[in-house]
Amino acid sequence: MIEALAPWYLTLKALHILAAISWMAGLLYLPRLFVYHAGAAVGSEVSETFKVMERRLLKAIMTPAAIATWLFGLAIPLTGAVRWTEGWFQLKLVLVVVMTGLHHLLARHAKAFAADQNQQGHRYFRVLNEGPTLVMIAIVFLVVLKPF
């Protein structure tokens, strides 16, 4: 524990929650944009609009929020309020790594759409949209219940 951070626990926790909410909003919305983008004709005005929306969501909201989520989340154990050795916390870290992997997968899809090289249909993105939801549910229950 870094003694100087102990008084900042609640502030760090609040910032972590706000960042995670912002990140999750993007993780839930971007695949939904892909569902509709997959049905748009390449080069159409609608397709070009989706490209702008996807790029801005990813670069202006999702990625900064993901970085902030990680930074504030990793700072919390430094306050002494949470121990790195707690099982629920370790599993939460694994799930946040999974969430980060989903973020990178969505970023790859955004690049494919931007280059007019998407190979996936709307059904794929509908299924992919469920991944972040399931991981989020697991994380919330772990943090609230601390089952182990």
N, C-alpha and C. Protein backbone atom coordinates (compact mmCIF):
# COMPACT_ATOMS: atom_id res chain seq x y z
N MET A 1 0.84 -1.19 0.00
CA MET A 1 0.00 0.00 0.00
C MET A 1 0.88 1.24 0.00
N ILE A 2 0.48 2.21 -0.76
CA ILE A 2 1.15 3.50 -0.76
C ILE A 2 0.30 4.40 0.14
N GLU A 3 0.83 4.71 1.31
CA GLU A 3 0.08 5.46 2.32
C GLU A 3 -0.58 6.73 1.78
N ALA A 4 0.09 7.42 0.89
CA ALA A 4 -0.43 8.69 0.39
C ALA A 4 -1.72 8.52 -0.42
N LEU A 5 -1.96 7.31 -0.94
CA LEU A 5 -3.16 7.08 -1.75
C LEU A 5 -4.38 6.67 -0.92
N ALA A 6 -4.19 6.25 0.30
CA ALA A 6 -5.30 5.76 1.13
C ALA A 6 -6.47 6.75 1.19
N PRO A 7 -6.23 8.04 1.42
CA PRO A 7 -7.37 8.97 1.49
C PRO A 7 -8.09 9.16 0.14
N TRP A 8 -7.48 8.72 -0.93
CA TRP A 8 -8.04 8.90 -2.26
C TRP A 8 -8.89 7.72 -2.72
N TYR A 9 -9.06 6.72 -1.86
CA TYR A 9 -9.78 5.50 -2.25
C TYR A 9 -11.14 5.80 -2.87
N LEU A 10 -11.99 6.54 -2.19
CA LEU A 10 -13.35 6.79 -2.70
C LEU A 10 -13.34 7.60 -3.99
N THR A 11 -12.42 8.54 -4.10
CA THR A 11 -12.31 9.32 -5.33
C THR A 11 -11.86 8.43 -6.49
N LEU A 12 -10.86 7.59 -6.24
CA LEU A 12 -10.39 6.66 -7.28
C LEU A 12 -11.50 5.69 -7.68
N LYS A 13 -12.25 5.21 -6.70
CA LYS A 13 -13.34 4.29 -6.98
C LYS A 13 -14.41 4.96 -7.84
N ALA A 14 -14.78 6.20 -7.51
CA ALA A 14 -15.77 6.93 -8.29
C ALA A 14 -15.27 7.16 -9.72
N LEU A 15 -14.03 7.55 -9.87
CA LEU A 15 -13.46 7.77 -11.20
C LEU A 15 -13.40 6.47 -12.00
N HIS A 16 -13.07 5.39 -11.31
CA HIS A 16 -13.02 4.07 -11.95
C HIS A 16 -14.41 3.68 -12.46
N ILE A 17 -15.43 3.88 -11.65
CA ILE A 17 -16.80 3.55 -12.05
C ILE A 17 -17.25 4.41 -13.23
N LEU A 18 -16.98 5.70 -13.19
CA LEU A 18 -17.35 6.59 -14.29
C LEU A 18 -16.65 6.19 -15.58
N ALA A 19 -15.36 5.89 -15.50
CA ALA A 19 -14.62 5.47 -16.69
C ALA A 19 -15.16 4.15 -17.23
N ALA A 20 -15.47 3.21 -16.33
CA ALA A 20 -15.98 1.91 -16.75
C ALA A 20 -17.36 2.05 -17.42
N ILE A 21 -18.20 2.93 -16.89
CA ILE A 21 -19.51 3.16 -17.51
C ILE A 21 -19.33 3.71 -18.93
N SER A 22 -18.42 4.65 -19.09
CA SER A 22 -18.17 5.23 -20.42
C SER A 22 -17.63 4.18 -21.38
N TRP A 23 -16.71 3.37 -20.90
CA TRP A 23 -16.13 2.31 -21.73
C TRP A 23 -17.21 1.31 -22.14
N MET A 24 -18.03 0.91 -21.15
CA MET A 24 -19.08 -0.06 -21.44
C MET A 24 -20.10 0.50 -22.44
N ALA A 25 -20.42 1.77 -22.33
CA ALA A 25 -21.36 2.38 -23.28
C ALA A 25 -20.84 2.18 -24.70
N GLY A 26 -19.56 2.41 -24.89
CA GLY A 26 -18.97 2.22 -26.21
C GLY A 26 -18.93 0.77 -26.63
N LEU A 27 -18.58 -0.11 -25.69
CA LEU A 27 -18.51 -1.53 -26.01
C LEU A 27 -19.87 -2.11 -26.37
N LEU A 28 -20.92 -1.50 -25.85
CA LEU A 28 -22.27 -1.95 -26.17
C LEU A 28 -22.80 -1.30 -27.45
N TYR A 29 -22.39 -0.08 -27.72
CA TYR A 29 -22.93 0.68 -28.86
C TYR A 29 -22.18 0.39 -30.17
N LEU A 30 -20.87 0.23 -30.12
CA LEU A 30 -20.09 0.04 -31.34
C LEU A 30 -20.54 -1.20 -32.12
N PRO A 31 -20.72 -2.36 -31.49
CA PRO A 31 -21.20 -3.50 -32.29
C PRO A 31 -22.60 -3.27 -32.86
N ARG A 32 -23.41 -2.49 -32.17
CA ARG A 32 -24.74 -2.16 -32.69
C ARG A 32 -24.60 -1.32 -33.96
N LEU A 33 -23.65 -0.37 -33.97
CA LEU A 33 -23.38 0.39 -35.18
C LEU A 33 -22.93 -0.55 -36.31
N PHE A 34 -22.10 -1.54 -35.96
CA PHE A 34 -21.63 -2.49 -36.96
C PHE A 34 -22.80 -3.29 -37.56
N VAL A 35 -23.79 -3.63 -36.74
CA VAL A 35 -24.96 -4.37 -37.24
C VAL A 35 -25.59 -3.60 -38.39
N TYR A 36 -25.77 -2.31 -38.20
CA TYR A 36 -26.40 -1.49 -39.24
C TYR A 36 -25.43 -1.18 -40.38
N HIS A 37 -24.17 -0.99 -40.04
CA HIS A 37 -23.17 -0.68 -41.07
C HIS A 37 -23.00 -1.86 -42.01
N ALA A 38 -23.08 -3.08 -41.47
CA ALA A 38 -22.91 -4.28 -42.30
C ALA A 38 -23.98 -4.35 -43.40
N GLY A 39 -25.13 -3.72 -43.17
CA GLY A 39 -26.19 -3.72 -44.17
C GLY A 39 -26.14 -2.55 -45.14
N ALA A 40 -25.22 -1.63 -44.92
CA ALA A 40 -25.12 -0.45 -45.80
C ALA A 40 -24.22 -0.75 -46.99
N ALA A 41 -24.58 -0.19 -48.12
CA ALA A 41 -23.77 -0.38 -49.33
C ALA A 41 -22.43 0.33 -49.19
N VAL A 42 -21.37 -0.34 -49.61
CA VAL A 42 -20.03 0.25 -49.57
C VAL A 42 -20.03 1.53 -50.40
N GLY A 43 -19.45 2.59 -49.82
CA GLY A 43 -19.35 3.86 -50.52
C GLY A 43 -20.58 4.73 -50.42
N SER A 44 -21.65 4.21 -49.85
CA SER A 44 -22.87 5.00 -49.72
C SER A 44 -22.69 6.08 -48.66
N GLU A 45 -23.58 7.06 -48.70
CA GLU A 45 -23.53 8.13 -47.70
C GLU A 45 -23.74 7.57 -46.29
N VAL A 46 -24.62 6.59 -46.17
CA VAL A 46 -24.88 5.96 -44.87
C VAL A 46 -23.62 5.26 -44.36
N SER A 47 -22.96 4.54 -45.23
CA SER A 47 -21.73 3.84 -44.86
C SER A 47 -20.66 4.82 -44.39
N GLU A 48 -20.53 5.91 -45.10
CA GLU A 48 -19.52 6.91 -44.73
C GLU A 48 -19.87 7.56 -43.39
N THR A 49 -21.15 7.76 -43.13
CA THR A 49 -21.59 8.31 -41.84
C THR A 49 -21.25 7.34 -40.71
N PHE A 50 -21.51 6.05 -40.94
CA PHE A 50 -21.17 5.05 -39.93
C PHE A 50 -19.67 5.04 -39.65
N LYS A 51 -18.86 5.19 -40.67
CA LYS A 51 -17.41 5.22 -40.47
C LYS A 51 -17.00 6.33 -39.52
N VAL A 52 -17.57 7.51 -39.72
CA VAL A 52 -17.26 8.66 -38.84
C VAL A 52 -17.72 8.37 -37.42
N MET A 53 -18.93 7.87 -37.27
CA MET A 53 -19.47 7.57 -35.94
C MET A 53 -18.62 6.53 -35.23
N GLU A 54 -18.24 5.48 -35.93
CA GLU A 54 -17.44 4.40 -35.33
C GLU A 54 -16.06 4.91 -34.92
N ARG A 55 -15.42 5.67 -35.80
CA ARG A 55 -14.09 6.20 -35.49
C ARG A 55 -14.13 7.11 -34.26
N ARG A 56 -15.10 8.02 -34.24
CA ARG A 56 -15.19 8.96 -33.12
C ARG A 56 -15.51 8.25 -31.81
N LEU A 57 -16.41 7.29 -31.86
CA LEU A 57 -16.76 6.54 -30.66
C LEU A 57 -15.53 5.80 -30.12
N LEU A 58 -14.81 5.17 -31.00
CA LEU A 58 -13.64 4.39 -30.59
C LEU A 58 -12.51 5.28 -30.07
N LYS A 59 -12.19 6.32 -30.82
CA LYS A 59 -11.02 7.14 -30.47
C LYS A 59 -11.29 8.21 -29.42
N ALA A 60 -12.48 8.77 -29.40
CA ALA A 60 -12.76 9.87 -28.48
C ALA A 60 -13.38 9.43 -27.16
N ILE A 61 -14.04 8.27 -27.17
CA ILE A 61 -14.72 7.83 -25.95
C ILE A 61 -14.16 6.50 -25.44
N MET A 62 -14.23 5.47 -26.26
CA MET A 62 -13.90 4.13 -25.78
C MET A 62 -12.45 3.96 -25.33
N THR A 63 -11.51 4.34 -26.18
CA THR A 63 -10.11 4.12 -25.83
C THR A 63 -9.67 4.96 -24.63
N PRO A 64 -9.99 6.26 -24.58
CA PRO A 64 -9.64 7.01 -23.36
C PRO A 64 -10.32 6.44 -22.11
N ALA A 65 -11.57 6.01 -22.25
CA ALA A 65 -12.28 5.44 -21.10
C ALA A 65 -11.66 4.12 -20.66
N ALA A 66 -11.23 3.31 -21.62
CA ALA A 66 -10.57 2.04 -21.28
C ALA A 66 -9.27 2.30 -20.53
N ILE A 67 -8.49 3.24 -21.01
CA ILE A 67 -7.23 3.57 -20.33
C ILE A 67 -7.50 4.09 -18.92
N ALA A 68 -8.48 4.97 -18.79
CA ALA A 68 -8.82 5.51 -17.47
C ALA A 68 -9.33 4.41 -16.54
N THR A 69 -10.14 3.50 -17.08
CA THR A 69 -10.64 2.38 -16.27
C THR A 69 -9.48 1.57 -15.71
N TRP A 70 -8.53 1.24 -16.56
CA TRP A 70 -7.36 0.48 -16.13
C TRP A 70 -6.55 1.25 -15.09
N LEU A 71 -6.26 2.52 -15.36
CA LEU A 71 -5.43 3.30 -14.45
C LEU A 71 -6.07 3.46 -13.07
N PHE A 72 -7.33 3.88 -13.05
CA PHE A 72 -8.01 4.07 -11.76
C PHE A 72 -8.22 2.73 -11.06
N GLY A 73 -8.54 1.69 -11.83
CA GLY A 73 -8.76 0.37 -11.24
C GLY A 73 -7.50 -0.21 -10.62
N LEU A 74 -6.37 -0.01 -11.28
CA LEU A 74 -5.11 -0.52 -10.73
C LEU A 74 -4.60 0.33 -9.57
N ALA A 75 -5.05 1.57 -9.49
CA ALA A 75 -4.65 2.43 -8.37
C ALA A 75 -5.39 2.07 -7.09
N ILE A 76 -6.58 1.51 -7.21
CA ILE A 76 -7.39 1.21 -6.03
C ILE A 76 -6.67 0.27 -5.04
N PRO A 77 -6.05 -0.82 -5.49
CA PRO A 77 -5.34 -1.67 -4.51
C PRO A 77 -4.17 -0.95 -3.84
N LEU A 78 -3.65 0.06 -4.48
CA LEU A 78 -2.55 0.81 -3.87
C LEU A 78 -3.01 1.61 -2.66
N THR A 79 -4.32 1.79 -2.51
CA THR A 79 -4.85 2.50 -1.33
C THR A 79 -4.95 1.59 -0.12
N GLY A 80 -4.85 0.29 -0.35
CA GLY A 80 -4.98 -0.67 0.74
C GLY A 80 -6.40 -1.16 0.94
N ALA A 81 -7.36 -0.63 0.20
CA ALA A 81 -8.77 -1.00 0.36
C ALA A 81 -9.07 -2.37 -0.25
N VAL A 82 -8.27 -2.78 -1.20
CA VAL A 82 -8.44 -4.08 -1.86
C VAL A 82 -7.06 -4.72 -1.92
N ARG A 83 -7.01 -6.03 -1.70
CA ARG A 83 -5.73 -6.75 -1.78
C ARG A 83 -5.63 -7.48 -3.12
N TRP A 84 -4.45 -7.42 -3.71
CA TRP A 84 -4.21 -8.08 -5.00
C TRP A 84 -4.49 -9.58 -4.92
N THR A 85 -4.38 -10.17 -3.73
CA THR A 85 -4.49 -11.61 -3.55
C THR A 85 -5.94 -12.10 -3.42
N GLU A 86 -6.90 -11.18 -3.33
CA GLU A 86 -8.29 -11.59 -3.20
C GLU A 86 -8.75 -12.25 -4.50
N GLY A 87 -9.37 -13.43 -4.36
CA GLY A 87 -9.78 -14.21 -5.53
C GLY A 87 -10.72 -13.47 -6.45
N TRP A 88 -11.70 -12.78 -5.89
CA TRP A 88 -12.67 -12.06 -6.72
C TRP A 88 -11.96 -10.98 -7.54
N PHE A 89 -10.94 -10.33 -6.92
CA PHE A 89 -10.22 -9.26 -7.61
C PHE A 89 -9.38 -9.82 -8.75
N GLN A 90 -8.76 -10.96 -8.50
CA GLN A 90 -7.95 -11.59 -9.55
C GLN A 90 -8.82 -12.01 -10.74
N LEU A 91 -10.00 -12.59 -10.43
CA LEU A 91 -10.91 -12.97 -11.51
C LEU A 91 -11.43 -11.73 -12.24
N LYS A 92 -11.68 -10.66 -11.50
CA LYS A 92 -12.11 -9.41 -12.14
C LYS A 92 -11.04 -8.93 -13.12
N LEU A 93 -9.78 -8.99 -12.71
CA LEU A 93 -8.69 -8.58 -13.61
C LEU A 93 -8.68 -9.42 -14.88
N VAL A 94 -8.89 -10.73 -14.73
CA VAL A 94 -8.94 -11.61 -15.91
C VAL A 94 -10.08 -11.17 -16.83
N LEU A 95 -11.24 -10.88 -16.25
CA LEU A 95 -12.39 -10.46 -17.06
C LEU A 95 -12.16 -9.10 -17.71
N VAL A 96 -11.44 -8.22 -17.05
CA VAL A 96 -11.13 -6.92 -17.66
C VAL A 96 -10.14 -7.12 -18.81
N VAL A 97 -9.26 -8.09 -18.70
CA VAL A 97 -8.37 -8.43 -19.82
C VAL A 97 -9.21 -8.95 -20.99
N VAL A 98 -10.22 -9.78 -20.69
CA VAL A 98 -11.13 -10.26 -21.74
C VAL A 98 -11.85 -9.08 -22.39
N MET A 99 -12.32 -8.15 -21.55
CA MET A 99 -13.01 -6.95 -22.05
C MET A 99 -12.06 -6.14 -22.95
N THR A 100 -10.83 -6.05 -22.55
CA THR A 100 -9.83 -5.33 -23.36
C THR A 100 -9.62 -6.04 -24.70
N GLY A 101 -9.62 -7.37 -24.67
CA GLY A 101 -9.53 -8.14 -25.91
C GLY A 101 -10.72 -7.87 -26.83
N LEU A 102 -11.92 -7.78 -26.25
CA LEU A 102 -13.10 -7.44 -27.04
C LEU A 102 -12.97 -6.04 -27.64
N HIS A 103 -12.43 -5.12 -26.85
CA HIS A 103 -12.20 -3.75 -27.33
C HIS A 103 -11.30 -3.78 -28.57
N HIS A 104 -10.21 -4.55 -28.49
CA HIS A 104 -9.28 -4.62 -29.62
C HIS A 104 -9.92 -5.31 -30.83
N LEU A 105 -10.75 -6.31 -30.59
CA LEU A 105 -11.46 -6.97 -31.68
C LEU A 105 -12.39 -5.98 -32.38
N LEU A 106 -13.12 -5.19 -31.59
CA LEU A 106 -14.00 -4.18 -32.17
C LEU A 106 -13.21 -3.13 -32.94
N ALA A 107 -12.04 -2.76 -32.43
CA ALA A 107 -11.20 -1.80 -33.14
C ALA A 107 -10.74 -2.36 -34.49
N ARG A 108 -10.44 -3.65 -34.54
CA ARG A 108 -10.06 -4.27 -35.82
C ARG A 108 -11.23 -4.24 -36.80
N HIS A 109 -12.43 -4.50 -36.29
CA HIS A 109 -13.60 -4.45 -37.16
C HIS A 109 -13.84 -3.02 -37.66
N ALA A 110 -13.63 -2.04 -36.80
CA ALA A 110 -13.80 -0.64 -37.22
C ALA A 110 -12.80 -0.30 -38.33
N LYS A 111 -11.58 -0.80 -38.21
CA LYS A 111 -10.58 -0.57 -39.27
C LYS A 111 -11.00 -1.25 -40.57
N ALA A 112 -11.56 -2.45 -40.46
CA ALA A 112 -12.02 -3.15 -41.67
C ALA A 112 -13.16 -2.37 -42.34
N PHE A 113 -14.11 -1.88 -41.55
CA PHE A 113 -15.19 -1.07 -42.12
C PHE A 113 -14.62 0.20 -42.75
N ALA A 114 -13.68 0.84 -42.08
CA ALA A 114 -13.09 2.09 -42.60
C ALA A 114 -12.41 1.88 -43.95
N ALA A 115 -11.85 0.69 -44.13
CA ALA A 115 -11.17 0.36 -45.39
C ALA A 115 -12.11 -0.33 -46.39
N ASP A 116 -13.41 -0.38 -46.08
CA ASP A 116 -14.40 -1.07 -46.92
C ASP A 116 -14.02 -2.53 -47.14
N GLN A 117 -13.50 -3.17 -46.07
CA GLN A 117 -13.08 -4.57 -46.17
C GLN A 117 -13.77 -5.47 -45.16
N ASN A 118 -14.90 -5.05 -44.64
CA ASN A 118 -15.62 -5.88 -43.68
C ASN A 118 -16.09 -7.17 -44.35
N GLN A 119 -15.86 -8.29 -43.67
CA GLN A 119 -16.26 -9.59 -44.20
C GLN A 119 -17.39 -10.24 -43.39
N GLN A 120 -17.87 -9.55 -42.35
CA GLN A 120 -18.86 -10.11 -41.44
C GLN A 120 -20.25 -9.55 -41.73
N GLY A 121 -21.25 -10.36 -41.46
CA GLY A 121 -22.63 -9.93 -41.64
C GLY A 121 -23.22 -9.40 -40.34
N HIS A 122 -24.43 -8.90 -40.44
CA HIS A 122 -25.08 -8.30 -39.27
C HIS A 122 -25.31 -9.31 -38.15
N ARG A 123 -25.55 -10.57 -38.48
CA ARG A 123 -25.77 -11.59 -37.43
C ARG A 123 -24.53 -11.78 -36.57
N TYR A 124 -23.36 -11.79 -37.18
CA TYR A 124 -22.10 -11.90 -36.42
C TYR A 124 -22.01 -10.79 -35.39
N PHE A 125 -22.31 -9.56 -35.81
CA PHE A 125 -22.20 -8.43 -34.89
C PHE A 125 -23.28 -8.44 -33.82
N ARG A 126 -24.44 -9.00 -34.12
CA ARG A 126 -25.49 -9.15 -33.11
C ARG A 126 -25.02 -10.10 -32.00
N VAL A 127 -24.37 -11.18 -32.40
CA VAL A 127 -23.84 -12.14 -31.42
C VAL A 127 -22.66 -11.51 -30.66
N LEU A 128 -21.77 -10.87 -31.38
CA LEU A 128 -20.61 -10.22 -30.76
C LEU A 128 -21.04 -9.18 -29.73
N ASN A 129 -22.17 -8.54 -29.96
CA ASN A 129 -22.69 -7.52 -29.06
C ASN A 129 -23.01 -8.09 -27.68
N GLU A 130 -23.22 -9.38 -27.57
CA GLU A 130 -23.55 -10.01 -26.28
C GLU A 130 -22.32 -10.22 -25.41
N GLY A 131 -21.14 -10.31 -26.00
CA GLY A 131 -19.92 -10.56 -25.23
C GLY A 131 -19.66 -9.55 -24.13
N PRO A 132 -19.59 -8.26 -24.46
CA PRO A 132 -19.34 -7.27 -23.40
C PRO A 132 -20.42 -7.28 -22.32
N THR A 133 -21.66 -7.56 -22.71
CA THR A 133 -22.75 -7.59 -21.73
C THR A 133 -22.52 -8.70 -20.71
N LEU A 134 -22.17 -9.89 -21.19
CA LEU A 134 -21.96 -11.02 -20.29
C LEU A 134 -20.76 -10.78 -19.36
N VAL A 135 -19.69 -10.23 -19.91
CA VAL A 135 -18.51 -9.95 -19.08
C VAL A 135 -18.83 -8.88 -18.05
N MET A 136 -19.57 -7.85 -18.45
CA MET A 136 -19.96 -6.79 -17.53
C MET A 136 -20.79 -7.35 -16.37
N ILE A 137 -21.75 -8.21 -16.67
CA ILE A 137 -22.58 -8.80 -15.62
C ILE A 137 -21.72 -9.57 -14.63
N ALA A 138 -20.80 -10.37 -15.14
CA ALA A 138 -19.92 -11.14 -14.26
C ALA A 138 -19.08 -10.22 -13.37
N ILE A 139 -18.54 -9.15 -13.94
CA ILE A 139 -17.72 -8.22 -13.17
C ILE A 139 -18.54 -7.56 -12.07
N VAL A 140 -19.73 -7.10 -12.39
CA VAL A 140 -20.56 -6.43 -11.39
C VAL A 140 -20.87 -7.37 -10.24
N PHE A 141 -21.24 -8.61 -10.53
CA PHE A 141 -21.53 -9.55 -9.45
C PHE A 141 -20.29 -9.86 -8.62
N LEU A 142 -19.14 -9.99 -9.26
CA LEU A 142 -17.90 -10.22 -8.52
C LEU A 142 -17.60 -9.08 -7.56
N VAL A 143 -17.71 -7.86 -8.05
CA VAL A 143 -17.35 -6.68 -7.24
C VAL A 143 -18.33 -6.50 -6.10
N VAL A 144 -19.60 -6.70 -6.36
CA VAL A 144 -20.62 -6.47 -5.33
C VAL A 144 -20.66 -7.60 -4.31
N LEU A 145 -20.63 -8.85 -4.78
CA LEU A 145 -20.77 -10.00 -3.87
C LEU A 145 -19.44 -10.47 -3.26
N LYS A 146 -18.32 -10.21 -3.95
CA LYS A 146 -17.01 -10.69 -3.49
C LYS A 146 -17.12 -12.12 -2.97
N PRO A 147 -17.49 -13.06 -3.84
CA PRO A 147 -17.80 -14.42 -3.40
C PRO A 147 -16.61 -15.23 -2.87
N PHE A 148 -15.41 -14.81 -3.19
CA PHE A 148 -14.22 -15.54 -2.70
C PHE A 148 -13.03 -14.61 -2.68
